[in-house]
Amino acid sequence: MCLSTAFRDSNPDEVLMEYVSSINIDGENITLTDLMGEQKTFKGSLKFADLTGAVIRIDC
């Protein structure tokens, strides 16, 4: 299983969520769900996703 870490695109040192198992995009809302089922929603856009490298960048 590949789990990713989501970072803020404008600040690559800022972790938005670790152990992301799924991403749901609904218009401007991006909902990340981690391995334990915790969800966080951000208003913005997905800028980059490297699932084999376990990196997600979101502009929010």
PDB file of N, CA and C in Angstrom:
ATOM      1  N   MET A   1       0.843  -1.176   0.000  1.00  0.00           N
ATOM      2  CA  MET A   1       0.000   0.000   0.000  1.00  0.00           C
ATOM      3  C   MET A   1       0.889   1.241   0.000  1.00  0.00           C
ATOM      4  N   CYS A   2       0.577   2.191  -0.878  1.00  0.00           N
ATOM      5  CA  CYS A   2       1.330   3.446  -0.937  1.00  0.00           C
ATOM      6  C   CYS A   2       0.554   4.538  -0.231  1.00  0.00           C
ATOM      7  N   LEU A   3       1.177   5.151   0.742  1.00  0.00           N
ATOM      8  CA  LEU A   3       0.591   6.278   1.447  1.00  0.00           C
ATOM      9  C   LEU A   3       1.437   7.503   1.155  1.00  0.00           C
ATOM     10  N   SER A   4       0.794   8.651   1.034  1.00  0.00           N
ATOM     11  CA  SER A   4       1.504   9.867   0.653  1.00  0.00           C
ATOM     12  C   SER A   4       1.421  10.916   1.740  1.00  0.00           C
ATOM     13  N   THR A   5       2.280  11.917   1.620  1.00  0.00           N
ATOM     14  CA  THR A   5       2.249  13.090   2.474  1.00  0.00           C
ATOM     15  C   THR A   5       1.847  14.273   1.616  1.00  0.00           C
ATOM     16  N   ALA A   6       0.880  15.067   2.091  1.00  0.00           N
ATOM     17  CA  ALA A   6       0.408  16.240   1.361  1.00  0.00           C
ATOM     18  C   ALA A   6       1.079  17.487   1.922  1.00  0.00           C
ATOM     19  N   PHE A   7       1.577  18.319   1.018  1.00  0.00           N
ATOM     20  CA  PHE A   7       2.260  19.558   1.377  1.00  0.00           C
ATOM     21  C   PHE A   7       1.547  20.737   0.738  1.00  0.00           C
ATOM     22  N   ARG A   8       1.676  21.920   1.353  1.00  0.00           N
ATOM     23  CA  ARG A   8       1.180  23.161   0.750  1.00  0.00           C
ATOM     24  C   ARG A   8       2.141  23.530  -0.379  1.00  0.00           C
ATOM     25  N   ASP A   9       1.616  23.774  -1.580  1.00  0.00           N
ATOM     26  CA  ASP A   9       2.451  24.042  -2.750  1.00  0.00           C
ATOM     27  C   ASP A   9       3.315  25.287  -2.560  1.00  0.00           C
ATOM     28  N   SER A  10       2.780  26.331  -1.932  1.00  0.00           N
ATOM     29  CA  SER A  10       3.530  27.577  -1.762  1.00  0.00           C
ATOM     30  C   SER A  10       4.575  27.499  -0.652  1.00  0.00           C
ATOM     31  N   ASN A  11       4.474  26.465   0.205  1.00  0.00           N
ATOM     32  CA  ASN A  11       5.431  26.274   1.296  1.00  0.00           C
ATOM     33  C   ASN A  11       5.699  24.786   1.449  1.00  0.00           C
ATOM     34  N   PRO A  12       6.658  24.240   0.696  1.00  0.00           N
ATOM     35  CA  PRO A  12       6.903  22.792   0.686  1.00  0.00           C
ATOM     36  C   PRO A  12       7.264  22.191   2.038  1.00  0.00           C
ATOM     37  N   ASP A  13       7.619  23.027   3.014  1.00  0.00           N
ATOM     38  CA  ASP A  13       7.935  22.510   4.351  1.00  0.00           C
ATOM     39  C   ASP A  13       6.687  22.314   5.217  1.00  0.00           C
ATOM     40  N   GLU A  14       5.546  22.850   4.763  1.00  0.00           N
ATOM     41  CA  GLU A  14       4.305  22.759   5.540  1.00  0.00           C
ATOM     42  C   GLU A  14       3.537  21.485   5.167  1.00  0.00           C
ATOM     43  N   VAL A  15       3.462  20.571   6.115  1.00  0.00           N
ATOM     44  CA  VAL A  15       2.744  19.318   5.902  1.00  0.00           C
ATOM     45  C   VAL A  15       1.260  19.552   6.203  1.00  0.00           C
ATOM     46  N   LEU A  16       0.417  19.229   5.233  1.00  0.00           N
ATOM     47  CA  LEU A  16      -1.033  19.342   5.431  1.00  0.00           C
ATOM     48  C   LEU A  16      -1.597  18.070   6.056  1.00  0.00           C
ATOM     49  N   MET A  17      -1.083  16.915   5.623  1.00  0.00           N
ATOM     50  CA  MET A  17      -1.538  15.640   6.171  1.00  0.00           C
ATOM     51  C   MET A  17      -0.543  14.550   5.796  1.00  0.00           C
ATOM     52  N   GLU A  18      -0.317  13.641   6.738  1.00  0.00           N
ATOM     53  CA  GLU A  18       0.540  12.492   6.486  1.00  0.00           C
ATOM     54  C   GLU A  18      -0.319  11.245   6.310  1.00  0.00           C
ATOM     55  N   TYR A  19       0.261  10.226   5.733  1.00  0.00           N
ATOM     56  CA  TYR A  19      -0.369   8.914   5.549  1.00  0.00           C
ATOM     57  C   TYR A  19      -1.682   9.015   4.757  1.00  0.00           C
ATOM     58  N   VAL A  20      -1.687   9.867   3.722  1.00  0.00           N
ATOM     59  CA  VAL A  20      -2.885  10.052   2.900  1.00  0.00           C
ATOM     60  C   VAL A  20      -3.126   8.789   2.081  1.00  0.00           C
ATOM     61  N   SER A  21      -4.335   8.255   2.214  1.00  0.00           N
ATOM     62  CA  SER A  21      -4.685   7.047   1.473  1.00  0.00           C
ATOM     63  C   SER A  21      -5.641   7.335   0.317  1.00  0.00           C
ATOM     64  N   SER A  22      -6.368   8.475   0.390  1.00  0.00           N
ATOM     65  CA  SER A  22      -7.251   8.812  -0.725  1.00  0.00           C
ATOM     66  C   SER A  22      -7.429  10.325  -0.834  1.00  0.00           C
ATOM     67  N   ILE A  23      -7.720  10.750  -2.069  1.00  0.00           N
ATOM     68  CA  ILE A  23      -7.951  12.157  -2.391  1.00  0.00           C
ATOM     69  C   ILE A  23      -9.286  12.238  -3.121  1.00  0.00           C
ATOM     70  N   ASN A  24     -10.166  13.119  -2.651  1.00  0.00           N
ATOM     71  CA  ASN A  24     -11.439  13.349  -3.327  1.00  0.00           C
ATOM     72  C   ASN A  24     -11.502  14.821  -3.708  1.00  0.00           C
ATOM     73  N   ILE A  25     -11.742  15.110  -4.989  1.00  0.00           N
ATOM     74  CA  ILE A  25     -11.811  16.482  -5.468  1.00  0.00           C
ATOM     75  C   ILE A  25     -13.225  16.757  -5.942  1.00  0.00           C
ATOM     76  N   ASP A  26     -13.827  17.803  -5.351  1.00  0.00           N
ATOM     77  CA  ASP A  26     -15.187  18.216  -5.710  1.00  0.00           C
ATOM     78  C   ASP A  26     -15.155  19.720  -5.952  1.00  0.00           C
ATOM     79  N   GLY A  27     -14.966  20.107  -7.204  1.00  0.00           N
ATOM     80  CA  GLY A  27     -14.835  21.530  -7.523  1.00  0.00           C
ATOM     81  C   GLY A  27     -13.555  22.076  -6.921  1.00  0.00           C
ATOM     82  N   GLU A  28     -13.686  23.081  -6.053  1.00  0.00           N
ATOM     83  CA  GLU A  28     -12.527  23.683  -5.397  1.00  0.00           C
ATOM     84  C   GLU A  28     -12.186  23.000  -4.079  1.00  0.00           C
ATOM     85  N   ASN A  29     -12.981  22.035  -3.644  1.00  0.00           N
ATOM     86  CA  ASN A  29     -12.745  21.360  -2.375  1.00  0.00           C
ATOM     87  C   ASN A  29     -11.965  20.061  -2.587  1.00  0.00           C
ATOM     88  N   ILE A  30     -10.871  19.940  -1.845  1.00  0.00           N
ATOM     89  CA  ILE A  30     -10.040  18.744  -1.890  1.00  0.00           C
ATOM     90  C   ILE A  30     -10.091  18.102  -0.520  1.00  0.00           C
ATOM     91  N   THR A  31     -10.586  16.877  -0.458  1.00  0.00           N
ATOM     92  CA  THR A  31     -10.672  16.162   0.809  1.00  0.00           C
ATOM     93  C   THR A  31      -9.638  15.052   0.816  1.00  0.00           C
ATOM     94  N   LEU A  32      -8.764  15.110   1.828  1.00  0.00           N
ATOM     95  CA  LEU A  32      -7.753  14.086   2.018  1.00  0.00           C
ATOM     96  C   LEU A  32      -8.205  13.177   3.152  1.00  0.00           C
ATOM     97  N   THR A  33      -8.000  11.885   2.982  1.00  0.00           N
ATOM     98  CA  THR A  33      -8.322  10.911   4.020  1.00  0.00           C
ATOM     99  C   THR A  33      -7.062  10.125   4.326  1.00  0.00           C
ATOM    100  N   ASP A  34      -6.770  10.007   5.639  1.00  0.00           N
ATOM    101  CA  ASP A  34      -5.556   9.276   6.012  1.00  0.00           C
ATOM    102  C   ASP A  34      -5.882   7.816   6.315  1.00  0.00           C
ATOM    103  N   LEU A  35      -4.864   7.084   6.662  1.00  0.00           N
ATOM    104  CA  LEU A  35      -4.967   5.647   6.906  1.00  0.00           C
ATOM    105  C   LEU A  35      -5.988   5.305   7.997  1.00  0.00           C
ATOM    106  N   MET A  36      -6.136   6.195   8.983  1.00  0.00           N
ATOM    107  CA  MET A  36      -7.049   5.954  10.100  1.00  0.00           C
ATOM    108  C   MET A  36      -8.464   6.459   9.822  1.00  0.00           C
ATOM    109  N   GLY A  37      -8.697   7.057   8.652  1.00  0.00           N
ATOM    110  CA  GLY A  37     -10.024   7.532   8.284  1.00  0.00           C
ATOM    111  C   GLY A  37     -10.271   8.991   8.608  1.00  0.00           C
ATOM    112  N   GLU A  38      -9.285   9.687   9.200  1.00  0.00           N
ATOM    113  CA  GLU A  38      -9.432  11.115   9.484  1.00  0.00           C
ATOM    114  C   GLU A  38      -9.446  11.869   8.166  1.00  0.00           C
ATOM    115  N   GLN A  39     -10.322  12.865   8.065  1.00  0.00           N
ATOM    116  CA  GLN A  39     -10.433  13.648   6.847  1.00  0.00           C
ATOM    117  C   GLN A  39     -10.142  15.114   7.113  1.00  0.00           C
ATOM    118  N   LYS A  40      -9.527  15.767   6.129  1.00  0.00           N
ATOM    119  CA  LYS A  40      -9.308  17.207   6.140  1.00  0.00           C
ATOM    120  C   LYS A  40      -9.675  17.722   4.759  1.00  0.00           C
ATOM    121  N   THR A  41     -10.392  18.846   4.735  1.00  0.00           N
ATOM    122  CA  THR A  41     -10.813  19.436   3.466  1.00  0.00           C
ATOM    123  C   THR A  41     -10.148  20.790   3.298  1.00  0.00           C
ATOM    124  N   PHE A  42      -9.659  21.046   2.101  1.00  0.00           N
ATOM    125  CA  PHE A  42      -8.981  22.294   1.763  1.00  0.00           C
ATOM    126  C   PHE A  42      -9.640  22.876   0.528  1.00  0.00           C
ATOM    127  N   LYS A  43      -9.737  24.199   0.472  1.00  0.00           N
ATOM    128  CA  LYS A  43     -10.223  24.876  -0.729  1.00  0.00           C
ATOM    129  C   LYS A  43      -8.994  25.241  -1.548  1.00  0.00           C
ATOM    130  N   GLY A  44      -8.932  24.761  -2.766  1.00  0.00           N
ATOM    131  CA  GLY A  44      -7.773  25.034  -3.611  1.00  0.00           C
ATOM    132  C   GLY A  44      -7.740  24.099  -4.801  1.00  0.00           C
ATOM    133  N   SER A  45      -6.518  23.808  -5.248  1.00  0.00           N
ATOM    134  CA  SER A  45      -6.370  22.931  -6.408  1.00  0.00           C
ATOM    135  C   SER A  45      -5.178  22.003  -6.214  1.00  0.00           C
ATOM    136  N   LEU A  46      -5.299  20.835  -6.780  1.00  0.00           N
ATOM    137  CA  LEU A  46      -4.214  19.858  -6.754  1.00  0.00           C
ATOM    138  C   LEU A  46      -3.173  20.292  -7.780  1.00  0.00           C
ATOM    139  N   LYS A  47      -1.943  20.490  -7.334  1.00  0.00           N
ATOM    140  CA  LYS A  47      -0.878  20.958  -8.213  1.00  0.00           C
ATOM    141  C   LYS A  47       0.026  19.843  -8.689  1.00  0.00           C
ATOM    142  N   PHE A  48       0.221  18.801  -7.854  1.00  0.00           N
ATOM    143  CA  PHE A  48       1.179  17.762  -8.191  1.00  0.00           C
ATOM    144  C   PHE A  48       0.873  16.529  -7.352  1.00  0.00           C
ATOM    145  N   ALA A  49       0.967  15.367  -7.962  1.00  0.00           N
ATOM    146  CA  ALA A  49       0.817  14.114  -7.220  1.00  0.00           C
ATOM    147  C   ALA A  49       1.794  13.089  -7.776  1.00  0.00           C
ATOM    148  N   ASP A  50       2.716  12.663  -6.940  1.00  0.00           N
ATOM    149  CA  ASP A  50       3.664  11.607  -7.285  1.00  0.00           C
ATOM    150  C   ASP A  50       3.391  10.476  -6.303  1.00  0.00           C
ATOM    151  N   LEU A  51       2.528   9.569  -6.679  1.00  0.00           N
ATOM    152  CA  LEU A  51       2.085   8.531  -5.753  1.00  0.00           C
ATOM    153  C   LEU A  51       3.163   7.483  -5.508  1.00  0.00           C
ATOM    154  N   THR A  52       4.049   7.263  -6.458  1.00  0.00           N
ATOM    155  CA  THR A  52       5.149   6.329  -6.205  1.00  0.00           C
ATOM    156  C   THR A  52       6.212   6.972  -5.314  1.00  0.00           C
ATOM    157  N   GLY A  53       6.320   8.301  -5.372  1.00  0.00           N
ATOM    158  CA  GLY A  53       7.235   9.029  -4.510  1.00  0.00           C
ATOM    159  C   GLY A  53       6.589   9.490  -3.218  1.00  0.00           C
ATOM    160  N   ALA A  54       5.280   9.257  -3.075  1.00  0.00           N
ATOM    161  CA  ALA A  54       4.512   9.554  -1.853  1.00  0.00           C
ATOM    162  C   ALA A  54       4.425  11.044  -1.551  1.00  0.00           C
ATOM    163  N   VAL A  55       4.299  11.881  -2.617  1.00  0.00           N
ATOM    164  CA  VAL A  55       4.225  13.333  -2.430  1.00  0.00           C
ATOM    165  C   VAL A  55       2.999  13.889  -3.155  1.00  0.00           C
ATOM    166  N   ILE A  56       2.237  14.725  -2.435  1.00  0.00           N
ATOM    167  CA  ILE A  56       1.094  15.439  -2.995  1.00  0.00           C
ATOM    168  C   ILE A  56       1.307  16.915  -2.673  1.00  0.00           C
ATOM    169  N   ARG A  57       1.097  17.806  -3.650  1.00  0.00           N
ATOM    170  CA  ARG A  57       1.182  19.245  -3.401  1.00  0.00           C
ATOM    171  C   ARG A  57      -0.145  19.891  -3.762  1.00  0.00           C
ATOM    172  N   ILE A  58      -0.644  20.697  -2.830  1.00  0.00           N
ATOM    173  CA  ILE A  58      -1.949  21.354  -2.998  1.00  0.00           C
ATOM    174  C   ILE A  58      -1.764  22.851  -2.878  1.00  0.00           C
ATOM    175  N   ASP A  59      -2.347  23.608  -3.811  1.00  0.00           N
ATOM    176  CA  ASP A  59      -2.367  25.058  -3.744  1.00  0.00           C
ATOM    177  C   ASP A  59      -3.620  25.458  -2.968  1.00  0.00           C
ATOM    178  N   CYS A  60      -3.432  25.845  -1.713  1.00  0.00           N
ATOM    179  CA  CYS A  60      -4.595  26.232  -0.877  1.00  0.00           C
ATOM    180  C   CYS A  60      -4.257  27.419  -0.007  1.00  0.00           C
TER     181      CYS A  60
END
